Amino acid sequence: MGILQQNTFNMSINWKLIFTDNDLQRITVLKNLLEANGIPAQIINKIDSSYPSIGSAELYADGSRLDAALELIKKAEGEE
């Protein structure tokens, strides 16, 4: 019998949706950027596994660090 991974989505954090895209790799890079700068982040993947053009991935960040998270994403996306 296999071991189930426990969901690591920390519900004690006030998560805010900050970015949505249908490119999971792009969302993952942004999540890693936020975490490298001390901002907790999580991805919810709503991309259809059979039809990848349907759905999107959502990036959530700690609401108490929302301004810093948005600023980092703007810089990463070249929107300064």
C-alpha atoms as a PDB file:
ATOM      1  CA  MET A   1       0.000   0.000   0.000  1.00  0.00           C
ATOM      2  CA  GLY A   2       1.416   3.418  -0.966  1.00  0.00           C
ATOM      3  CA  ILE A   3       1.858   6.414   1.258  1.00  0.00           C
ATOM      4  CA  LEU A   4      -0.403   9.352   0.512  1.00  0.00           C
ATOM      5  CA  GLN A   5       1.180  12.770   0.507  1.00  0.00           C
ATOM      6  CA  GLN A   6      -0.468  15.197   2.867  1.00  0.00           C
ATOM      7  CA  ASN A   7      -1.748  18.441   1.366  1.00  0.00           C
ATOM      8  CA  THR A   8       0.783  21.160   2.212  1.00  0.00           C
ATOM      9  CA  PHE A   9      -1.552  24.090   1.554  1.00  0.00           C
ATOM     10  CA  ASN A  10      -1.191  25.925   4.878  1.00  0.00           C
ATOM     11  CA  MET A  11      -4.666  27.199   5.729  1.00  0.00           C
ATOM     12  CA  SER A  12      -3.391  29.482   8.509  1.00  0.00           C
ATOM     13  CA  ILE A  13      -2.020  31.831   5.834  1.00  0.00           C
ATOM     14  CA  ASN A  14      -4.314  34.412   4.234  1.00  0.00           C
ATOM     15  CA  TRP A  15      -3.733  33.262   0.634  1.00  0.00           C
ATOM     16  CA  LYS A  16      -4.416  35.731  -2.189  1.00  0.00           C
ATOM     17  CA  LEU A  17      -4.611  34.896  -5.877  1.00  0.00           C
ATOM     18  CA  ILE A  18      -1.904  36.937  -7.601  1.00  0.00           C
ATOM     19  CA  PHE A  19      -1.319  35.347 -11.005  1.00  0.00           C
ATOM     20  CA  THR A  20      -3.100  33.020 -13.419  1.00  0.00           C
ATOM     21  CA  ASP A  21      -1.687  31.413 -16.546  1.00  0.00           C
ATOM     22  CA  ASN A  22      -2.160  28.284 -18.633  1.00  0.00           C
ATOM     23  CA  ASP A  23       1.618  27.688 -18.606  1.00  0.00           C
ATOM     24  CA  LEU A  24       2.379  25.647 -15.481  1.00  0.00           C
ATOM     25  CA  GLN A  25       6.127  25.998 -15.989  1.00  0.00           C
ATOM     26  CA  ARG A  26       5.854  29.803 -15.948  1.00  0.00           C
ATOM     27  CA  ILE A  27       3.758  29.704 -12.761  1.00  0.00           C
ATOM     28  CA  THR A  28       6.312  27.372 -11.144  1.00  0.00           C
ATOM     29  CA  VAL A  29       9.180  29.760 -11.960  1.00  0.00           C
ATOM     30  CA  LEU A  30       7.236  32.642 -10.375  1.00  0.00           C
ATOM     31  CA  LYS A  31       6.447  30.535  -7.292  1.00  0.00           C
ATOM     32  CA  ASN A  32      10.137  29.725  -6.892  1.00  0.00           C
ATOM     33  CA  LEU A  33      10.995  33.421  -7.248  1.00  0.00           C
ATOM     34  CA  LEU A  34       8.564  34.352  -4.476  1.00  0.00           C
ATOM     35  CA  GLU A  35       9.804  31.610  -2.160  1.00  0.00           C
ATOM     36  CA  ALA A  36      13.450  32.580  -2.810  1.00  0.00           C
ATOM     37  CA  ASN A  37      12.488  36.032  -1.521  1.00  0.00           C
ATOM     38  CA  GLY A  38      10.834  34.689   1.627  1.00  0.00           C
ATOM     39  CA  ILE A  39       7.221  34.908   0.411  1.00  0.00           C
ATOM     40  CA  PRO A  40       5.152  31.757   0.928  1.00  0.00           C
ATOM     41  CA  ALA A  41       3.457  30.707  -2.309  1.00  0.00           C
ATOM     42  CA  GLN A  42       1.269  27.858  -3.570  1.00  0.00           C
ATOM     43  CA  ILE A  43       0.040  26.698  -6.956  1.00  0.00           C
ATOM     44  CA  ILE A  44      -3.381  25.281  -7.700  1.00  0.00           C
ATOM     45  CA  ASN A  45      -3.280  23.479 -11.034  1.00  0.00           C
ATOM     46  CA  LYS A  46      -6.649  23.611 -12.799  1.00  0.00           C
ATOM     47  CA  ILE A  47      -5.242  22.641 -16.199  1.00  0.00           C
ATOM     48  CA  ASP A  48      -7.088  19.712 -17.750  1.00  0.00           C
ATOM     49  CA  SER A  49      -4.712  16.750 -18.064  1.00  0.00           C
ATOM     50  CA  SER A  50      -6.435  15.485 -21.222  1.00  0.00           C
ATOM     51  CA  TYR A  51      -6.791  18.891 -22.880  1.00  0.00           C
ATOM     52  CA  PRO A  52      -3.948  21.156 -21.666  1.00  0.00           C
ATOM     53  CA  SER A  53      -5.405  24.148 -23.523  1.00  0.00           C
ATOM     54  CA  ILE A  54      -8.371  24.046 -21.123  1.00  0.00           C
ATOM     55  CA  GLY A  55      -7.971  25.514 -17.660  1.00  0.00           C
ATOM     56  CA  SER A  56      -5.235  27.426 -15.909  1.00  0.00           C
ATOM     57  CA  ALA A  57      -2.819  27.302 -13.017  1.00  0.00           C
ATOM     58  CA  GLU A  58      -3.280  29.772 -10.179  1.00  0.00           C
ATOM     59  CA  LEU A  59      -0.483  31.239  -8.082  1.00  0.00           C
ATOM     60  CA  TYR A  60      -1.354  32.242  -4.537  1.00  0.00           C
ATOM     61  CA  ALA A  61       0.835  34.229  -2.151  1.00  0.00           C
ATOM     62  CA  ASP A  62       0.695  35.189   1.511  1.00  0.00           C
ATOM     63  CA  GLY A  63      -1.755  38.104   1.698  1.00  0.00           C
ATOM     64  CA  SER A  64       0.368  39.875   4.310  1.00  0.00           C
ATOM     65  CA  ARG A  65       3.175  40.085   1.713  1.00  0.00           C
ATOM     66  CA  LEU A  66       0.914  40.883  -1.242  1.00  0.00           C
ATOM     67  CA  ASP A  67       2.581  44.158  -2.288  1.00  0.00           C
ATOM     68  CA  ALA A  68       6.065  42.615  -2.256  1.00  0.00           C
ATOM     69  CA  ALA A  69       4.839  39.570  -4.196  1.00  0.00           C
ATOM     70  CA  LEU A  70       3.181  41.678  -6.878  1.00  0.00           C
ATOM     71  CA  GLU A  71       6.277  43.869  -7.202  1.00  0.00           C
ATOM     72  CA  LEU A  72       8.517  40.825  -7.707  1.00  0.00           C
ATOM     73  CA  ILE A  73       6.185  39.451 -10.376  1.00  0.00           C
ATOM     74  CA  LYS A  74       6.059  42.808 -12.172  1.00  0.00           C
ATOM     75  CA  LYS A  75       9.847  42.910 -12.263  1.00  0.00           C
ATOM     76  CA  ALA A  76      10.059  39.297 -13.458  1.00  0.00           C
ATOM     77  CA  GLU A  77       7.529  39.985 -16.197  1.00  0.00           C
ATOM     78  CA  GLY A  78       9.309  43.212 -17.233  1.00  0.00           C
ATOM     79  CA  GLU A  79       6.400  45.479 -16.291  1.00  0.00           C
ATOM     80  CA  GLU A  80       8.332  48.039 -14.255  1.00  0.00           C
END
